[in-house]
């Protein structure tokens, strides 16, 4: 009898706990519930976006303040500054080793593009107006795209 009473009591407690845990929330059901959930979700998303925008905005001002401090530190000479200023300035001039490296890189690029061994006879600067290199790169890109679409592109990549 005592075991039966404990079993019935435990079943009632279990059933009550189960009902309490799975109570449907009427405010989140139906069309109105969908609207409420959407508003909550959009509020969270846009508040996070606003916080990120504020962080970026504040970061810009922090960088400007740090830049002003760096400029202020550079304009105020210290005792070691004259010794550093007296050091000679060495200008880089192209030597033979650098030119050999440039020729090696150009020849490797040509060999990779053509697909066979090529001997470079001479290298000289391009003639004409080379100030606007964007036009040349654009023309090269268009030619490469057309070659790949027409199937005349021989490169493996």
N, C-alpha and C. Protein backbone atom coordinates (compact mmCIF):
# COMPACT_ATOMS: atom_id res chain seq x y z
N UNK A 1 0.80 -1.18 0.00
CA UNK A 1 0.00 0.00 0.00
C UNK A 1 0.86 1.26 0.00
N UNK A 2 1.90 1.21 0.82
CA UNK A 2 2.79 2.37 0.87
C UNK A 2 3.51 2.54 -0.46
N UNK A 3 3.92 1.45 -1.10
CA UNK A 3 4.60 1.51 -2.39
C UNK A 3 3.65 2.05 -3.44
N UNK A 4 2.39 1.67 -3.40
CA UNK A 4 1.41 2.15 -4.35
C UNK A 4 1.18 3.64 -4.18
N UNK A 5 1.11 4.12 -2.95
CA UNK A 5 0.91 5.54 -2.70
C UNK A 5 2.11 6.35 -3.19
N UNK A 6 3.30 5.85 -2.99
CA UNK A 6 4.51 6.55 -3.45
C UNK A 6 4.55 6.56 -4.97
N UNK A 7 4.17 5.46 -5.59
CA UNK A 7 4.16 5.38 -7.04
C UNK A 7 3.15 6.35 -7.63
N UNK A 8 1.96 6.41 -7.05
CA UNK A 8 0.93 7.34 -7.54
C UNK A 8 1.38 8.77 -7.33
N UNK A 9 1.96 9.08 -6.19
CA UNK A 9 2.43 10.43 -5.91
C UNK A 9 3.55 10.83 -6.86
N UNK A 10 4.46 9.90 -7.15
CA UNK A 10 5.56 10.23 -8.06
C UNK A 10 5.05 10.42 -9.48
N UNK A 11 4.01 9.65 -9.86
CA UNK A 11 3.43 9.83 -11.19
C UNK A 11 2.74 11.18 -11.31
N UNK A 12 2.06 11.61 -10.26
CA UNK A 12 1.41 12.91 -10.27
C UNK A 12 2.43 14.04 -10.35
N UNK A 13 3.51 13.91 -9.60
CA UNK A 13 4.57 14.93 -9.64
C UNK A 13 5.21 14.97 -11.01
N UNK A 14 5.45 13.82 -11.60
CA UNK A 14 6.06 13.76 -12.92
C UNK A 14 5.14 14.38 -13.96
N UNK A 15 3.84 14.08 -13.87
CA UNK A 15 2.88 14.62 -14.82
C UNK A 15 2.77 16.14 -14.66
N UNK A 16 2.77 16.62 -13.44
CA UNK A 16 2.68 18.06 -13.20
C UNK A 16 3.92 18.78 -13.71
N UNK A 17 5.08 18.17 -13.51
CA UNK A 17 6.32 18.78 -14.00
C UNK A 17 6.35 18.80 -15.51
N UNK A 18 5.84 17.73 -16.12
CA UNK A 18 5.80 17.65 -17.58
C UNK A 18 4.85 18.71 -18.15
N UNK A 19 3.72 18.89 -17.55
CA UNK A 19 2.77 19.91 -18.01
C UNK A 19 3.33 21.31 -17.81
N UNK A 20 4.04 21.53 -16.71
CA UNK A 20 4.61 22.85 -16.45
C UNK A 20 5.74 23.17 -17.42
N UNK A 21 6.48 22.16 -17.83
CA UNK A 21 7.60 22.39 -18.73
C UNK A 21 7.15 22.63 -20.15
N UNK A 22 6.04 22.06 -20.55
CA UNK A 22 5.59 22.17 -21.93
C UNK A 22 4.31 22.98 -22.08
N UNK A 23 4.23 24.05 -21.32
CA UNK A 23 3.07 24.94 -21.45
C UNK A 23 3.25 25.75 -22.73
N UNK A 24 2.29 25.68 -23.65
CA UNK A 24 2.44 26.47 -24.87
C UNK A 24 2.29 27.96 -24.57
N UNK A 25 3.13 28.74 -25.19
CA UNK A 25 3.08 30.19 -25.01
C UNK A 25 2.15 30.77 -26.05
N UNK A 26 1.05 31.28 -25.59
CA UNK A 26 0.03 31.75 -26.53
C UNK A 26 0.47 33.01 -27.27
N UNK A 27 1.42 33.80 -26.71
CA UNK A 27 1.84 35.02 -27.40
C UNK A 27 2.73 34.73 -28.61
N UNK A 28 3.24 33.50 -28.76
CA UNK A 28 4.08 33.17 -29.90
C UNK A 28 3.40 32.22 -30.88
N UNK A 29 2.10 32.14 -30.82
CA UNK A 29 1.37 31.26 -31.73
C UNK A 29 0.60 32.09 -32.75
N UNK A 30 0.45 31.52 -33.93
CA UNK A 30 -0.33 32.17 -34.97
C UNK A 30 0.43 33.28 -35.66
N UNK A 31 -0.32 34.09 -36.42
CA UNK A 31 0.29 35.17 -37.19
C UNK A 31 0.87 36.25 -36.28
N UNK A 32 0.17 36.57 -35.21
CA UNK A 32 0.67 37.57 -34.27
C UNK A 32 1.97 37.14 -33.62
N UNK A 33 2.07 35.86 -33.31
CA UNK A 33 3.31 35.35 -32.72
C UNK A 33 4.47 35.43 -33.68
N UNK A 34 4.17 35.15 -34.97
CA UNK A 34 5.23 35.25 -35.98
C UNK A 34 5.72 36.68 -36.11
N UNK A 35 4.80 37.63 -36.03
CA UNK A 35 5.19 39.05 -36.13
C UNK A 35 6.03 39.44 -34.92
N UNK A 36 5.65 38.99 -33.74
CA UNK A 36 6.41 39.32 -32.52
C UNK A 36 7.82 38.73 -32.60
N UNK A 37 7.92 37.47 -32.99
CA UNK A 37 9.24 36.83 -33.10
C UNK A 37 10.09 37.54 -34.15
N UNK A 38 9.49 37.92 -35.26
CA UNK A 38 10.23 38.65 -36.31
C UNK A 38 10.73 39.98 -35.78
N UNK A 39 9.88 40.71 -35.06
CA UNK A 39 10.30 42.01 -34.51
C UNK A 39 11.44 41.84 -33.52
N UNK A 40 11.36 40.82 -32.70
CA UNK A 40 12.44 40.57 -31.75
C UNK A 40 13.74 40.25 -32.48
N UNK A 41 13.66 39.38 -33.48
CA UNK A 41 14.86 38.99 -34.23
C UNK A 41 15.46 40.18 -34.97
N UNK A 42 14.62 40.98 -35.64
CA UNK A 42 15.13 42.15 -36.36
C UNK A 42 15.73 43.17 -35.41
N UNK A 43 15.13 43.34 -34.24
CA UNK A 43 15.67 44.27 -33.25
C UNK A 43 17.06 43.83 -32.81
N UNK A 44 17.23 42.56 -32.57
CA UNK A 44 18.54 42.05 -32.15
C UNK A 44 19.57 42.24 -33.27
N UNK A 45 19.20 41.89 -34.49
CA UNK A 45 20.15 41.99 -35.61
C UNK A 45 20.56 43.44 -35.84
N UNK A 46 19.58 44.34 -35.89
CA UNK A 46 19.92 45.73 -36.18
C UNK A 46 20.62 46.42 -35.02
N UNK A 47 20.37 45.99 -33.80
CA UNK A 47 21.12 46.57 -32.68
C UNK A 47 22.58 46.11 -32.73
N UNK A 48 22.83 44.87 -33.13
CA UNK A 48 24.21 44.41 -33.27
C UNK A 48 24.90 45.15 -34.42
N UNK A 49 24.19 45.36 -35.53
CA UNK A 49 24.77 46.12 -36.64
C UNK A 49 25.07 47.56 -36.22
N UNK A 50 24.19 48.17 -35.46
CA UNK A 50 24.43 49.54 -34.98
C UNK A 50 25.64 49.57 -34.05
N UNK A 51 25.79 48.56 -33.20
CA UNK A 51 26.96 48.51 -32.31
C UNK A 51 28.25 48.36 -33.10
N UNK A 52 28.24 47.52 -34.14
CA UNK A 52 29.44 47.37 -34.98
C UNK A 52 29.76 48.67 -35.72
N UNK A 53 28.75 49.35 -36.22
CA UNK A 53 28.97 50.63 -36.89
C UNK A 53 29.56 51.65 -35.93
N UNK A 54 29.05 51.68 -34.71
CA UNK A 54 29.59 52.59 -33.71
C UNK A 54 31.05 52.26 -33.39
N UNK A 55 31.38 50.98 -33.33
CA UNK A 55 32.78 50.60 -33.08
C UNK A 55 33.69 51.07 -34.20
N UNK A 56 33.25 50.93 -35.43
CA UNK A 56 34.05 51.38 -36.57
C UNK A 56 34.20 52.89 -36.54
N UNK A 57 33.13 53.59 -36.21
CA UNK A 57 33.16 55.06 -36.15
C UNK A 57 34.12 55.54 -35.07
N UNK A 58 34.07 54.90 -33.90
CA UNK A 58 34.97 55.27 -32.80
C UNK A 58 36.41 54.91 -33.15
N UNK A 59 36.61 53.81 -33.85
CA UNK A 59 37.96 53.39 -34.24
C UNK A 59 38.63 54.44 -35.13
N UNK A 60 37.84 55.09 -35.99
CA UNK A 60 38.39 56.13 -36.86
C UNK A 60 38.94 57.28 -36.03
N UNK A 61 38.21 57.70 -34.98
CA UNK A 61 38.67 58.80 -34.15
C UNK A 61 39.86 58.40 -33.29
N UNK A 62 39.90 57.17 -32.84
CA UNK A 62 41.05 56.71 -32.07
C UNK A 62 42.30 56.70 -32.94
N UNK A 63 42.16 56.27 -34.19
CA UNK A 63 43.31 56.27 -35.11
C UNK A 63 43.77 57.69 -35.40
N UNK A 64 42.83 58.62 -35.54
CA UNK A 64 43.21 60.02 -35.79
C UNK A 64 43.95 60.60 -34.60
N UNK A 65 43.52 60.29 -33.38
CA UNK A 65 44.20 60.78 -32.19
C UNK A 65 45.60 60.18 -32.09
N UNK A 66 45.73 58.88 -32.38
CA UNK A 66 47.04 58.24 -32.33
C UNK A 66 47.97 58.82 -33.39
N UNK A 67 47.42 59.15 -34.56
CA UNK A 67 48.24 59.74 -35.62
C UNK A 67 48.72 61.12 -35.22
N UNK A 68 47.87 61.90 -34.56
CA UNK A 68 48.29 63.23 -34.10
C UNK A 68 49.39 63.12 -33.07
N UNK A 69 49.30 62.12 -32.18
CA UNK A 69 50.35 61.92 -31.19
C UNK A 69 51.67 61.53 -31.85
N UNK A 70 51.60 60.69 -32.89
CA UNK A 70 52.81 60.29 -33.61
C UNK A 70 53.43 61.49 -34.32
N UNK A 71 52.62 62.33 -34.93
CA UNK A 71 53.14 63.52 -35.60
C UNK A 71 53.75 64.48 -34.60
N UNK A 72 53.13 64.60 -33.44
CA UNK A 72 53.66 65.48 -32.39
C UNK A 72 54.99 64.97 -31.87
N UNK A 73 55.13 63.66 -31.76
CA UNK A 73 56.38 63.08 -31.28
C UNK A 73 57.49 63.23 -32.33
N UNK A 74 57.13 63.20 -33.61
CA UNK A 74 58.15 63.34 -34.65
C UNK A 74 58.60 64.78 -34.80
N UNK A 75 57.72 65.75 -34.54
CA UNK A 75 58.11 67.15 -34.70
C UNK A 75 58.95 67.63 -33.53
N UNK A 76 58.81 67.06 -32.36
CA UNK A 76 59.61 67.44 -31.21
C UNK A 76 60.91 66.65 -31.24
N UNK A 77 62.05 67.32 -31.56
CA UNK A 77 63.31 66.59 -31.63
C UNK A 77 63.82 66.25 -30.24
N UNK A 78 64.44 65.10 -30.13
CA UNK A 78 65.04 64.68 -28.87
C UNK A 78 66.55 64.81 -28.97
N UNK A 79 67.24 64.42 -27.93
CA UNK A 79 68.70 64.55 -27.91
C UNK A 79 69.36 63.59 -28.88
N UNK A 80 68.75 62.46 -29.16
CA UNK A 80 69.35 61.49 -30.06
C UNK A 80 68.98 61.77 -31.51
N UNK A 81 68.09 62.70 -31.76
CA UNK A 81 67.65 62.99 -33.12
C UNK A 81 68.78 63.57 -33.99
N UNK A 82 69.63 64.50 -33.50
CA UNK A 82 70.70 65.01 -34.37
C UNK A 82 71.68 63.92 -34.81
N UNK A 83 71.94 62.95 -33.96
CA UNK A 83 72.85 61.87 -34.33
C UNK A 83 72.22 61.01 -35.43
N UNK A 84 70.95 60.79 -35.34
CA UNK A 84 70.28 60.00 -36.36
C UNK A 84 70.15 60.77 -37.66
N UNK A 85 69.98 62.07 -37.59
CA UNK A 85 69.85 62.87 -38.80
C UNK A 85 71.18 63.00 -39.52
N UNK A 86 72.28 62.85 -38.82
CA UNK A 86 73.59 62.98 -39.44
C UNK A 86 73.98 61.75 -40.25
N UNK A 87 73.24 60.68 -40.12
CA UNK A 87 73.55 59.46 -40.86
C UNK A 87 73.33 59.72 -42.34
N UNK A 88 74.24 59.25 -43.19
CA UNK A 88 74.10 59.50 -44.62
C UNK A 88 72.93 58.71 -45.21
N UNK A 89 72.28 59.32 -46.18
CA UNK A 89 71.17 58.68 -46.86
C UNK A 89 71.72 57.96 -48.08
N UNK A 90 71.45 56.67 -48.15
CA UNK A 90 71.95 55.86 -49.26
C UNK A 90 70.81 55.66 -50.24
N UNK A 91 71.02 56.07 -51.47
CA UNK A 91 70.00 55.89 -52.49
C UNK A 91 70.26 54.58 -53.22
N UNK A 92 69.19 53.86 -53.42
CA UNK A 92 69.32 52.57 -54.08
C UNK A 92 69.47 52.78 -55.58
N UNK A 93 70.49 52.17 -56.13
CA UNK A 93 70.68 52.23 -57.58
C UNK A 93 70.67 50.81 -58.12
N UNK A 94 70.05 50.62 -59.26
CA UNK A 94 70.01 49.26 -59.79
C UNK A 94 71.40 48.80 -60.20
N UNK A 95 71.79 47.66 -59.69
CA UNK A 95 73.08 47.11 -60.09
C UNK A 95 72.86 45.91 -60.99
N UNK A 96 73.95 45.29 -61.37
CA UNK A 96 73.89 44.19 -62.33
C UNK A 96 73.15 42.98 -61.77
N UNK A 97 73.29 42.72 -60.46
CA UNK A 97 72.61 41.56 -59.86
C UNK A 97 71.09 41.74 -59.88
N UNK A 98 70.64 42.97 -59.61
CA UNK A 98 69.19 43.21 -59.65
C UNK A 98 68.65 43.03 -61.07
N UNK A 99 69.39 43.51 -62.05
CA UNK A 99 68.93 43.38 -63.43
C UNK A 99 68.91 41.92 -63.86
N UNK A 100 69.87 41.13 -63.38
CA UNK A 100 69.87 39.70 -63.71
C UNK A 100 68.66 39.01 -63.11
N UNK A 101 68.28 39.43 -61.89
CA UNK A 101 67.10 38.84 -61.26
C UNK A 101 65.83 39.22 -62.04
N UNK A 102 65.77 40.46 -62.50
CA UNK A 102 64.61 40.90 -63.26
C UNK A 102 64.52 40.12 -64.57
N UNK A 103 65.64 39.94 -65.23
CA UNK A 103 65.66 39.18 -66.48
C UNK A 103 65.24 37.73 -66.22
N UNK A 104 65.69 37.16 -65.11
CA UNK A 104 65.32 35.78 -64.79
C UNK A 104 63.82 35.66 -64.53
N UNK A 105 63.26 36.62 -63.85
CA UNK A 105 61.82 36.58 -63.57
C UNK A 105 61.02 36.74 -64.85
N UNK A 106 61.43 37.68 -65.71
CA UNK A 106 60.72 37.90 -66.97
C UNK A 106 60.80 36.66 -67.86
N UNK A 107 61.98 36.06 -67.92
CA UNK A 107 62.11 34.87 -68.77
C UNK A 107 61.31 33.69 -68.21
N UNK A 108 61.24 33.56 -66.90
CA UNK A 108 60.43 32.49 -66.30
C UNK A 108 58.95 32.71 -66.60
N UNK A 109 58.50 33.96 -66.57
CA UNK A 109 57.10 34.25 -66.87
C UNK A 109 56.79 33.96 -68.34
N UNK A 110 57.70 34.29 -69.22
CA UNK A 110 57.48 34.02 -70.64
C UNK A 110 57.48 32.53 -70.91
N UNK A 111 58.42 31.80 -70.28
CA UNK A 111 58.45 30.35 -70.44
C UNK A 111 57.17 29.69 -69.95
N UNK A 112 56.66 30.16 -68.82
CA UNK A 112 55.42 29.60 -68.28
C UNK A 112 54.24 29.93 -69.18
N UNK A 113 54.23 31.11 -69.76
CA UNK A 113 53.12 31.51 -70.60
C UNK A 113 53.13 30.79 -71.95
N UNK A 114 54.30 30.67 -72.55
CA UNK A 114 54.40 30.05 -73.87
C UNK A 114 54.36 28.53 -73.77
N UNK A 115 54.97 28.00 -72.73
CA UNK A 115 54.95 26.55 -72.55
C UNK A 115 56.19 25.87 -73.09
N UNK A 116 57.13 26.61 -73.59
CA UNK A 116 58.38 26.00 -74.06
C UNK A 116 59.53 26.95 -73.74
N UNK A 117 60.74 26.49 -73.89
CA UNK A 117 61.91 27.27 -73.55
C UNK A 117 62.09 28.42 -74.55
N UNK A 118 62.34 29.61 -74.01
CA UNK A 118 62.50 30.80 -74.84
C UNK A 118 63.77 31.52 -74.40
N UNK A 119 64.56 31.97 -75.37
CA UNK A 119 65.75 32.77 -75.08
C UNK A 119 65.42 34.24 -75.25
N UNK A 120 65.75 35.04 -74.26
CA UNK A 120 65.52 36.48 -74.34
C UNK A 120 66.78 37.11 -74.91
N UNK A 121 66.61 37.83 -76.01
CA UNK A 121 67.74 38.46 -76.68
C UNK A 121 68.03 39.82 -76.06
N UNK A 122 66.99 40.62 -75.84
CA UNK A 122 67.21 41.94 -75.24
C UNK A 122 65.96 42.38 -74.49
N UNK A 123 66.18 43.27 -73.55
CA UNK A 123 65.10 43.86 -72.79
C UNK A 123 65.28 45.37 -72.86
N UNK A 124 64.23 46.06 -73.27
CA UNK A 124 64.29 47.52 -73.32
C UNK A 124 62.95 48.08 -72.88
N UNK A 125 62.93 49.30 -72.39
CA UNK A 125 61.69 49.90 -71.92
C UNK A 125 60.70 50.08 -73.08
N UNK A 126 59.43 50.06 -72.75
CA UNK A 126 58.39 50.26 -73.76
C UNK A 126 58.42 51.71 -74.25
N UNK A 127 58.17 51.90 -75.51
CA UNK A 127 58.16 53.23 -76.09
C UNK A 127 56.75 53.80 -76.02
N UNK A 128 56.65 55.09 -75.99
CA UNK A 128 55.35 55.74 -76.00
C UNK A 128 54.91 56.12 -74.61
N UNK A 129 53.64 56.38 -74.49
CA UNK A 129 53.08 56.84 -73.24
C UNK A 129 52.72 55.64 -72.36
N UNK A 130 53.54 55.39 -71.36
CA UNK A 130 53.31 54.26 -70.46
C UNK A 130 52.85 54.75 -69.09
N UNK A 131 52.38 56.00 -69.02
CA UNK A 131 51.99 56.54 -67.72
C UNK A 131 50.70 55.92 -67.22
N UNK A 132 49.82 55.51 -68.11
CA UNK A 132 48.56 54.92 -67.69
C UNK A 132 48.60 53.42 -67.91
N UNK A 133 49.09 52.71 -66.91
CA UNK A 133 49.24 51.25 -67.04
C UNK A 133 47.91 50.53 -66.88
N UNK A 134 46.90 51.20 -66.32
CA UNK A 134 45.60 50.55 -66.15
C UNK A 134 44.99 50.17 -67.49
N UNK A 135 45.20 51.01 -68.49
CA UNK A 135 44.65 50.73 -69.81
C UNK A 135 45.31 49.47 -70.39
N UNK A 136 46.61 49.35 -70.18
CA UNK A 136 47.31 48.18 -70.69
C UNK A 136 46.85 46.91 -69.99
N UNK A 137 46.67 46.97 -68.66
CA UNK A 137 46.20 45.80 -67.93
C UNK A 137 44.78 45.43 -68.35
N UNK A 138 43.95 46.44 -68.58
CA UNK A 138 42.58 46.17 -69.02
C UNK A 138 42.58 45.48 -70.38
N UNK A 139 43.42 45.97 -71.30
CA UNK A 139 43.49 45.37 -72.63
C UNK A 139 44.00 43.93 -72.55
N UNK A 140 44.98 43.69 -71.69
CA UNK A 140 45.50 42.33 -71.52
C UNK A 140 44.43 41.41 -70.93
N UNK A 141 43.65 41.90 -69.98
CA UNK A 141 42.59 41.11 -69.40
C UNK A 141 41.51 40.76 -70.40
N UNK A 142 41.14 41.73 -71.24
CA UNK A 142 40.13 41.48 -72.26
C UNK A 142 40.63 40.44 -73.26
N UNK A 143 41.89 40.59 -73.68
CA UNK A 143 42.45 39.63 -74.64
C UNK A 143 42.50 38.23 -74.04
N UNK A 144 42.88 38.12 -72.77
CA UNK A 144 42.95 36.82 -72.12
C UNK A 144 41.57 36.19 -71.99
N UNK A 145 40.58 37.00 -71.64
CA UNK A 145 39.21 36.49 -71.49
C UNK A 145 38.67 36.00 -72.83
N UNK A 146 38.93 36.76 -73.89
CA UNK A 146 38.44 36.35 -75.20
C UNK A 146 39.13 35.07 -75.65
N UNK A 147 40.43 34.96 -75.38
CA UNK A 147 41.16 33.76 -75.77
C UNK A 147 40.64 32.54 -75.02
N UNK A 148 40.29 32.71 -73.75
CA UNK A 148 39.79 31.56 -72.99
C UNK A 148 38.39 31.17 -73.45
N UNK A 149 37.57 32.13 -73.88
CA UNK A 149 36.21 31.81 -74.34
C UNK A 149 36.21 31.22 -75.74
N UNK A 150 37.18 31.59 -76.55
CA UNK A 150 37.25 31.05 -77.90
C UNK A 150 37.96 29.70 -77.94
N UNK A 151 38.57 29.32 -76.82
CA UNK A 151 39.26 28.04 -76.77
C UNK A 151 40.65 28.07 -77.33
N UNK A 152 41.20 29.27 -77.56
CA UNK A 152 42.55 29.37 -78.11
C UNK A 152 43.58 29.57 -77.02
N UNK A 153 43.15 29.52 -75.77
CA UNK A 153 44.06 29.71 -74.65
C UNK A 153 44.84 28.42 -74.43
N UNK A 154 46.17 28.47 -74.54
CA UNK A 154 46.99 27.26 -74.45
C UNK A 154 47.50 27.01 -73.04
N UNK A 155 47.21 27.88 -72.11
CA UNK A 155 47.72 27.69 -70.76
C UNK A 155 46.95 26.60 -70.04
N UNK A 156 47.62 25.90 -69.16
CA UNK A 156 47.00 24.80 -68.45
C UNK A 156 46.22 25.29 -67.22
N UNK A 157 46.48 26.50 -66.80
CA UNK A 157 45.78 27.00 -65.62
C UNK A 157 44.68 27.87 -66.04
